[in-house]
Amino acid sequence: MTQEPFLRTFRPDRPGIRKILGDLEAEIMEYIWSRPPEQGVTVREVYETLSAQRHIAYTTVMSTMTRLAKKHVLSVTTEQTAYVYFSTMTQEALLSHVAGRMMEDVLLHFADALQGPYTELDTLERARSLLEEITERRKQQGGL
């Protein structure tokens, strides 16, 4: 059974997958996603591809891929003497998963905020107030 990815960072100001992954993590995943899903990669392959584009240490790539495996974004198997990494899901599925989890968190927070000794009218007023607060915060952050 595949474990659910563990990603808690969200940067709304960043493009695409970089909203949820760091730059190097995103570069590694973009490389892996560019290949057939059944074709795993070694740290050496990823390192050679990235080092052709910029100066980077092999150990940096290795530790980043290990971290992605701990987050369950990559799975790892052993073939002979090498670790072979595979993506646990497509880029679209990963983004969808994270968006779904964020919506769940928002809805749970919203439901918690509405709990209490309120009448139905109080609940509606509280919901309207929270929505106005969210809208105002987004305006201040340049989101609307």
N, C-alpha and C. Protein backbone atom coordinates (compact mmCIF):
# COMPACT_ATOMS: atom_id res chain seq x y z
N MET A 1 0.84 -1.18 0.00
CA MET A 1 0.00 0.00 0.00
C MET A 1 0.88 1.25 0.00
N THR A 2 0.60 2.17 -0.89
CA THR A 2 1.35 3.40 -0.99
C THR A 2 0.86 4.38 0.07
N GLN A 3 1.81 5.01 0.74
CA GLN A 3 1.44 5.98 1.75
C GLN A 3 1.14 7.32 1.09
N GLU A 4 0.32 8.07 1.77
CA GLU A 4 -0.07 9.38 1.30
C GLU A 4 1.10 10.36 1.40
N PRO A 5 1.31 11.20 0.37
CA PRO A 5 2.40 12.18 0.45
C PRO A 5 2.23 13.10 1.65
N PHE A 6 3.34 13.43 2.27
CA PHE A 6 3.33 14.30 3.44
C PHE A 6 3.94 15.63 3.03
N LEU A 7 3.09 16.56 2.63
CA LEU A 7 3.53 17.89 2.21
C LEU A 7 2.70 18.92 2.96
N ARG A 8 3.37 19.78 3.69
CA ARG A 8 2.66 20.76 4.50
C ARG A 8 2.95 22.21 4.09
N THR A 9 3.87 22.39 3.16
CA THR A 9 4.24 23.74 2.76
C THR A 9 3.38 24.16 1.57
N PHE A 10 2.92 25.39 1.58
CA PHE A 10 2.20 25.93 0.43
C PHE A 10 2.62 27.38 0.25
N ARG A 11 3.14 27.67 -0.93
CA ARG A 11 3.59 29.03 -1.25
C ARG A 11 2.76 29.54 -2.42
N PRO A 12 1.69 30.29 -2.16
CA PRO A 12 0.79 30.71 -3.24
C PRO A 12 1.45 31.61 -4.28
N ASP A 13 2.55 32.25 -3.92
CA ASP A 13 3.22 33.17 -4.83
C ASP A 13 4.15 32.47 -5.82
N ARG A 14 4.33 31.15 -5.70
CA ARG A 14 5.25 30.41 -6.56
C ARG A 14 4.47 29.71 -7.67
N PRO A 15 5.11 29.46 -8.79
CA PRO A 15 4.41 28.80 -9.91
C PRO A 15 4.35 27.28 -9.77
N GLY A 16 3.28 26.69 -10.28
CA GLY A 16 3.15 25.24 -10.42
C GLY A 16 3.51 24.44 -9.19
N ILE A 17 4.31 23.41 -9.43
CA ILE A 17 4.68 22.46 -8.40
C ILE A 17 5.53 23.10 -7.30
N ARG A 18 6.12 24.26 -7.61
CA ARG A 18 6.95 24.95 -6.62
C ARG A 18 6.12 25.56 -5.49
N LYS A 19 4.80 25.53 -5.65
CA LYS A 19 3.92 25.95 -4.56
C LYS A 19 4.04 25.00 -3.38
N ILE A 20 4.37 23.72 -3.67
CA ILE A 20 4.40 22.71 -2.61
C ILE A 20 5.76 22.05 -2.43
N LEU A 21 6.68 22.25 -3.37
CA LEU A 21 8.03 21.69 -3.27
C LEU A 21 9.05 22.80 -3.38
N GLY A 22 10.21 22.58 -2.79
CA GLY A 22 11.32 23.52 -2.95
C GLY A 22 11.84 23.46 -4.39
N ASP A 23 12.69 24.41 -4.75
CA ASP A 23 13.19 24.47 -6.12
C ASP A 23 13.92 23.20 -6.56
N LEU A 24 14.84 22.70 -5.74
CA LEU A 24 15.58 21.50 -6.12
C LEU A 24 14.66 20.28 -6.13
N GLU A 25 13.78 20.18 -5.15
CA GLU A 25 12.81 19.08 -5.15
C GLU A 25 11.97 19.11 -6.42
N ALA A 26 11.53 20.31 -6.81
CA ALA A 26 10.71 20.45 -8.02
C ALA A 26 11.52 20.06 -9.27
N GLU A 27 12.77 20.49 -9.36
CA GLU A 27 13.61 20.13 -10.51
C GLU A 27 13.77 18.62 -10.63
N ILE A 28 14.00 17.99 -9.50
CA ILE A 28 14.17 16.53 -9.49
C ILE A 28 12.87 15.86 -9.93
N MET A 29 11.76 16.29 -9.37
CA MET A 29 10.48 15.68 -9.73
C MET A 29 10.12 15.95 -11.19
N GLU A 30 10.40 17.13 -11.69
CA GLU A 30 10.12 17.43 -13.10
C GLU A 30 10.92 16.51 -14.02
N TYR A 31 12.17 16.24 -13.64
CA TYR A 31 12.98 15.30 -14.42
C TYR A 31 12.37 13.90 -14.37
N ILE A 32 12.00 13.46 -13.19
CA ILE A 32 11.42 12.12 -13.04
C ILE A 32 10.10 12.02 -13.80
N TRP A 33 9.26 13.04 -13.70
CA TRP A 33 7.97 13.03 -14.40
C TRP A 33 8.12 13.10 -15.92
N SER A 34 9.26 13.58 -16.40
CA SER A 34 9.47 13.67 -17.84
C SER A 34 9.77 12.30 -18.46
N ARG A 35 9.98 11.32 -17.65
CA ARG A 35 10.33 9.97 -18.10
C ARG A 35 9.12 9.05 -17.97
N PRO A 36 9.15 7.90 -18.63
CA PRO A 36 8.04 6.95 -18.45
C PRO A 36 7.92 6.55 -16.98
N PRO A 37 6.70 6.45 -16.44
CA PRO A 37 6.50 6.19 -15.01
C PRO A 37 7.13 4.90 -14.51
N GLU A 38 7.21 3.90 -15.37
CA GLU A 38 7.77 2.61 -14.94
C GLU A 38 9.29 2.61 -14.96
N GLN A 39 9.88 3.67 -15.47
CA GLN A 39 11.34 3.76 -15.58
C GLN A 39 11.87 4.55 -14.38
N GLY A 40 12.42 3.85 -13.43
CA GLY A 40 12.98 4.50 -12.26
C GLY A 40 14.27 5.22 -12.58
N VAL A 41 14.73 6.00 -11.63
CA VAL A 41 15.98 6.74 -11.80
C VAL A 41 16.87 6.53 -10.59
N THR A 42 18.16 6.63 -10.82
CA THR A 42 19.12 6.58 -9.72
C THR A 42 19.54 8.00 -9.39
N VAL A 43 20.14 8.15 -8.24
CA VAL A 43 20.67 9.46 -7.85
C VAL A 43 21.71 9.90 -8.89
N ARG A 44 22.53 8.97 -9.35
CA ARG A 44 23.57 9.28 -10.34
C ARG A 44 22.96 9.89 -11.60
N GLU A 45 21.87 9.30 -12.11
CA GLU A 45 21.23 9.83 -13.32
C GLU A 45 20.73 11.26 -13.11
N VAL A 46 20.07 11.47 -11.99
CA VAL A 46 19.53 12.80 -11.70
C VAL A 46 20.68 13.79 -11.51
N TYR A 47 21.70 13.38 -10.77
CA TYR A 47 22.85 14.24 -10.54
C TYR A 47 23.49 14.65 -11.87
N GLU A 48 23.72 13.70 -12.76
CA GLU A 48 24.37 14.01 -14.04
C GLU A 48 23.53 14.97 -14.87
N THR A 49 22.23 14.82 -14.84
CA THR A 49 21.35 15.73 -15.59
C THR A 49 21.40 17.13 -14.99
N LEU A 50 21.27 17.22 -13.67
CA LEU A 50 21.27 18.53 -13.02
C LEU A 50 22.64 19.21 -13.07
N SER A 51 23.70 18.43 -12.91
CA SER A 51 25.04 19.04 -12.89
C SER A 51 25.44 19.56 -14.26
N ALA A 52 24.79 19.11 -15.32
CA ALA A 52 25.06 19.65 -16.65
C ALA A 52 24.47 21.06 -16.79
N GLN A 53 23.49 21.38 -15.94
CA GLN A 53 22.82 22.67 -15.99
C GLN A 53 23.34 23.66 -14.95
N ARG A 54 23.86 23.14 -13.83
CA ARG A 54 24.34 24.01 -12.76
C ARG A 54 25.28 23.25 -11.84
N HIS A 55 26.00 24.00 -11.04
CA HIS A 55 26.94 23.39 -10.08
C HIS A 55 26.13 22.85 -8.91
N ILE A 56 26.26 21.55 -8.66
CA ILE A 56 25.53 20.93 -7.56
C ILE A 56 26.31 19.70 -7.09
N ALA A 57 26.25 19.41 -5.82
CA ALA A 57 26.97 18.26 -5.27
C ALA A 57 26.09 17.01 -5.37
N TYR A 58 26.73 15.89 -5.60
CA TYR A 58 26.05 14.60 -5.65
C TYR A 58 25.29 14.36 -4.35
N THR A 59 25.92 14.66 -3.23
CA THR A 59 25.29 14.42 -1.93
C THR A 59 24.04 15.29 -1.72
N THR A 60 24.01 16.46 -2.33
CA THR A 60 22.83 17.32 -2.24
C THR A 60 21.65 16.67 -2.96
N VAL A 61 21.92 16.13 -4.15
CA VAL A 61 20.87 15.44 -4.90
C VAL A 61 20.41 14.21 -4.12
N MET A 62 21.37 13.46 -3.59
CA MET A 62 21.04 12.25 -2.84
C MET A 62 20.17 12.57 -1.62
N SER A 63 20.55 13.57 -0.84
CA SER A 63 19.78 13.89 0.36
C SER A 63 18.39 14.45 0.00
N THR A 64 18.30 15.18 -1.10
CA THR A 64 17.00 15.72 -1.52
C THR A 64 16.08 14.59 -1.97
N MET A 65 16.62 13.62 -2.71
CA MET A 65 15.81 12.48 -3.13
C MET A 65 15.40 11.62 -1.93
N THR A 66 16.27 11.49 -0.96
CA THR A 66 15.94 10.76 0.26
C THR A 66 14.80 11.47 1.00
N ARG A 67 14.88 12.79 1.06
CA ARG A 67 13.83 13.59 1.70
C ARG A 67 12.49 13.44 0.97
N LEU A 68 12.53 13.41 -0.37
CA LEU A 68 11.30 13.21 -1.15
C LEU A 68 10.70 11.82 -0.89
N ALA A 69 11.56 10.84 -0.67
CA ALA A 69 11.08 9.50 -0.34
C ALA A 69 10.45 9.49 1.05
N LYS A 70 11.04 10.22 2.00
CA LYS A 70 10.48 10.30 3.35
C LYS A 70 9.12 11.00 3.34
N LYS A 71 8.94 11.92 2.39
CA LYS A 71 7.66 12.62 2.24
C LYS A 71 6.67 11.80 1.43
N HIS A 72 7.08 10.62 0.96
CA HIS A 72 6.26 9.70 0.16
C HIS A 72 5.90 10.27 -1.21
N VAL A 73 6.73 11.16 -1.72
CA VAL A 73 6.57 11.66 -3.08
C VAL A 73 7.31 10.71 -4.04
N LEU A 74 8.37 10.10 -3.53
CA LEU A 74 9.12 9.08 -4.26
C LEU A 74 9.06 7.77 -3.48
N SER A 75 9.12 6.67 -4.21
CA SER A 75 9.31 5.37 -3.57
C SER A 75 10.69 4.89 -4.02
N VAL A 76 11.27 4.00 -3.25
CA VAL A 76 12.63 3.56 -3.55
C VAL A 76 12.71 2.04 -3.47
N THR A 77 13.43 1.45 -4.41
CA THR A 77 13.72 0.03 -4.40
C THR A 77 15.23 -0.15 -4.58
N THR A 78 15.69 -1.34 -4.32
CA THR A 78 17.11 -1.63 -4.51
C THR A 78 17.26 -2.57 -5.69
N GLU A 79 18.12 -2.19 -6.63
CA GLU A 79 18.46 -3.04 -7.76
C GLU A 79 19.97 -3.19 -7.76
N GLN A 80 20.43 -4.41 -7.52
CA GLN A 80 21.84 -4.72 -7.37
C GLN A 80 22.42 -3.84 -6.27
N THR A 81 23.27 -2.87 -6.60
CA THR A 81 23.87 -2.05 -5.55
C THR A 81 23.35 -0.62 -5.55
N ALA A 82 22.33 -0.35 -6.36
CA ALA A 82 21.83 1.03 -6.48
C ALA A 82 20.40 1.15 -5.98
N TYR A 83 20.09 2.30 -5.43
CA TYR A 83 18.72 2.63 -5.08
C TYR A 83 18.07 3.21 -6.34
N VAL A 84 16.87 2.75 -6.65
CA VAL A 84 16.14 3.24 -7.81
C VAL A 84 14.86 3.89 -7.30
N TYR A 85 14.64 5.13 -7.72
CA TYR A 85 13.51 5.92 -7.24
C TYR A 85 12.43 6.01 -8.31
N PHE A 86 11.17 5.98 -7.84
CA PHE A 86 10.01 6.11 -8.70
C PHE A 86 9.07 7.15 -8.09
N SER A 87 8.39 7.89 -8.93
CA SER A 87 7.38 8.81 -8.43
C SER A 87 6.20 8.01 -7.92
N THR A 88 5.62 8.43 -6.81
CA THR A 88 4.46 7.72 -6.27
C THR A 88 3.17 8.14 -6.97
N MET A 89 3.18 9.29 -7.67
CA MET A 89 2.01 9.74 -8.42
C MET A 89 2.42 10.77 -9.46
N THR A 90 1.54 11.03 -10.40
CA THR A 90 1.82 12.03 -11.43
C THR A 90 1.82 13.42 -10.81
N GLN A 91 2.34 14.38 -11.55
CA GLN A 91 2.35 15.76 -11.07
C GLN A 91 0.92 16.24 -10.83
N GLU A 92 0.03 15.95 -11.76
CA GLU A 92 -1.36 16.39 -11.63
C GLU A 92 -2.02 15.76 -10.40
N ALA A 93 -1.76 14.47 -10.19
CA ALA A 93 -2.35 13.79 -9.03
C ALA A 93 -1.80 14.36 -7.72
N LEU A 94 -0.51 14.69 -7.69
CA LEU A 94 0.09 15.26 -6.49
C LEU A 94 -0.52 16.63 -6.18
N LEU A 95 -0.63 17.48 -7.20
CA LEU A 95 -1.23 18.80 -7.00
C LEU A 95 -2.68 18.68 -6.56
N SER A 96 -3.41 17.76 -7.16
CA SER A 96 -4.81 17.53 -6.80
C SER A 96 -4.92 17.04 -5.35
N HIS A 97 -4.04 16.13 -4.98
CA HIS A 97 -4.04 15.61 -3.60
C HIS A 97 -3.80 16.74 -2.60
N VAL A 98 -2.80 17.56 -2.86
CA VAL A 98 -2.46 18.65 -1.94
C VAL A 98 -3.61 19.66 -1.88
N ALA A 99 -4.21 19.98 -3.03
CA ALA A 99 -5.34 20.92 -3.05
C ALA A 99 -6.51 20.35 -2.25
N GLY A 100 -6.77 19.06 -2.40
CA GLY A 100 -7.84 18.42 -1.66
C GLY A 100 -7.61 18.46 -0.16
N ARG A 101 -6.36 18.19 0.24
CA ARG A 101 -6.03 18.23 1.67
C ARG A 101 -6.17 19.64 2.23
N MET A 102 -5.77 20.63 1.43
CA MET A 102 -5.90 22.03 1.88
C MET A 102 -7.37 22.39 2.06
N MET A 103 -8.21 21.96 1.12
CA MET A 103 -9.64 22.25 1.23
C MET A 103 -10.23 21.57 2.47
N GLU A 104 -9.81 20.34 2.73
CA GLU A 104 -10.28 19.65 3.93
C GLU A 104 -9.89 20.42 5.18
N ASP A 105 -8.63 20.89 5.22
CA ASP A 105 -8.16 21.66 6.38
C ASP A 105 -8.97 22.94 6.56
N VAL A 106 -9.23 23.63 5.44
CA VAL A 106 -10.01 24.88 5.50
C VAL A 106 -11.42 24.59 6.00
N LEU A 107 -12.04 23.55 5.45
CA LEU A 107 -13.40 23.23 5.85
C LEU A 107 -13.47 22.80 7.32
N LEU A 108 -12.46 22.03 7.77
CA LEU A 108 -12.43 21.64 9.18
C LEU A 108 -12.26 22.86 10.08
N HIS A 109 -11.37 23.77 9.67
CA HIS A 109 -11.17 25.00 10.44
C HIS A 109 -12.46 25.82 10.47
N PHE A 110 -13.12 25.90 9.32
CA PHE A 110 -14.36 26.65 9.22
C PHE A 110 -15.43 26.02 10.11
N ALA A 111 -15.54 24.69 10.06
CA ALA A 111 -16.52 23.99 10.89
C ALA A 111 -16.23 24.21 12.37
N ASP A 112 -14.94 24.16 12.74
CA ASP A 112 -14.57 24.40 14.14
C ASP A 112 -14.95 25.81 14.57
N ALA A 113 -14.76 26.78 13.67
CA ALA A 113 -15.07 28.17 13.99
C ALA A 113 -16.57 28.36 14.19
N LEU A 114 -17.37 27.52 13.55
CA LEU A 114 -18.82 27.65 13.66
C LEU A 114 -19.39 26.87 14.85
N GLN A 115 -18.57 26.06 15.49
CA GLN A 115 -19.05 25.29 16.65
C GLN A 115 -19.30 26.22 17.83
N GLY A 116 -20.18 25.82 18.66
CA GLY A 116 -20.43 26.59 19.87
C GLY A 116 -21.91 26.73 20.14
N PRO A 117 -22.23 27.47 21.17
CA PRO A 117 -23.64 27.62 21.58
C PRO A 117 -24.36 28.67 20.73
N TYR A 118 -24.31 28.50 19.41
CA TYR A 118 -24.91 29.49 18.52
C TYR A 118 -26.28 29.01 18.04
N THR A 119 -27.16 29.96 17.80
CA THR A 119 -28.42 29.64 17.13
C THR A 119 -28.11 29.57 15.64
N GLU A 120 -29.08 29.16 14.86
CA GLU A 120 -28.88 29.08 13.40
C GLU A 120 -28.54 30.46 12.83
N LEU A 121 -29.19 31.49 13.31
CA LEU A 121 -28.92 32.85 12.85
C LEU A 121 -27.50 33.27 13.23
N ASP A 122 -27.08 32.93 14.46
CA ASP A 122 -25.72 33.24 14.90
C ASP A 122 -24.71 32.55 13.99
N THR A 123 -24.99 31.30 13.64
CA THR A 123 -24.09 30.53 12.78
C THR A 123 -23.95 31.19 11.42
N LEU A 124 -25.07 31.62 10.84
CA LEU A 124 -25.02 32.30 9.55
C LEU A 124 -24.24 33.61 9.63
N GLU A 125 -24.46 34.35 10.70
CA GLU A 125 -23.73 35.61 10.88
C GLU A 125 -22.24 35.34 11.05
N ARG A 126 -21.89 34.31 11.82
CA ARG A 126 -20.48 33.96 12.04
C ARG A 126 -19.84 33.53 10.71
N ALA A 127 -20.56 32.74 9.92
CA ALA A 127 -20.05 32.31 8.61
C ALA A 127 -19.82 33.52 7.71
N ARG A 128 -20.77 34.45 7.69
CA ARG A 128 -20.64 35.66 6.86
C ARG A 128 -19.43 36.48 7.32
N SER A 129 -19.25 36.60 8.62
CA SER A 129 -18.13 37.35 9.17
C SER A 129 -16.80 36.71 8.79
N LEU A 130 -16.71 35.38 8.90
CA LEU A 130 -15.48 34.68 8.52
C LEU A 130 -15.18 34.85 7.03
N LEU A 131 -16.20 34.78 6.20
CA LEU A 131 -16.01 34.95 4.76
C LEU A 131 -15.51 36.36 4.46
N GLU A 132 -16.07 37.36 5.11
CA GLU A 132 -15.61 38.74 4.93
C GLU A 132 -14.15 38.88 5.38
N GLU A 133 -13.79 38.24 6.48
CA GLU A 133 -12.42 38.30 6.99
C GLU A 133 -11.45 37.66 5.99
N ILE A 134 -11.82 36.51 5.46
CA ILE A 134 -10.98 35.83 4.46
C ILE A 134 -10.82 36.70 3.23
N THR A 135 -11.92 37.29 2.75
CA THR A 135 -11.88 38.15 1.56
C THR A 135 -10.98 39.35 1.80
N GLU A 136 -11.08 39.96 2.96
CA GLU A 136 -10.24 41.13 3.29
C GLU A 136 -8.76 40.76 3.35
N ARG A 137 -8.44 39.61 3.96
CA ARG A 137 -7.04 39.16 4.04
C ARG A 137 -6.49 38.92 2.65
N ARG A 138 -7.28 38.31 1.78
CA ARG A 138 -6.80 38.02 0.41
C ARG A 138 -6.56 39.33 -0.34
N LYS A 139 -7.40 40.33 -0.13
CA LYS A 139 -7.20 41.63 -0.78
C LYS A 139 -5.90 42.26 -0.31
N GLN A 140 -5.63 42.17 1.00
CA GLN A 140 -4.41 42.73 1.57
C GLN A 140 -3.16 42.02 1.06
N GLN A 141 -3.29 40.73 0.75
CA GLN A 141 -2.15 39.95 0.26
C GLN A 141 -2.05 40.00 -1.26
N GLY A 142 -2.95 40.76 -1.90
CA GLY A 142 -2.90 40.87 -3.35
C GLY A 142 -3.49 39.66 -4.06
N GLY A 143 -4.30 38.88 -3.35
CA GLY A 143 -4.88 37.68 -3.94
C GLY A 143 -6.13 37.93 -4.75
N LEU A 144 -6.74 39.10 -4.63
CA LEU A 144 -7.96 39.41 -5.39
C LEU A 144 -7.79 40.69 -6.14
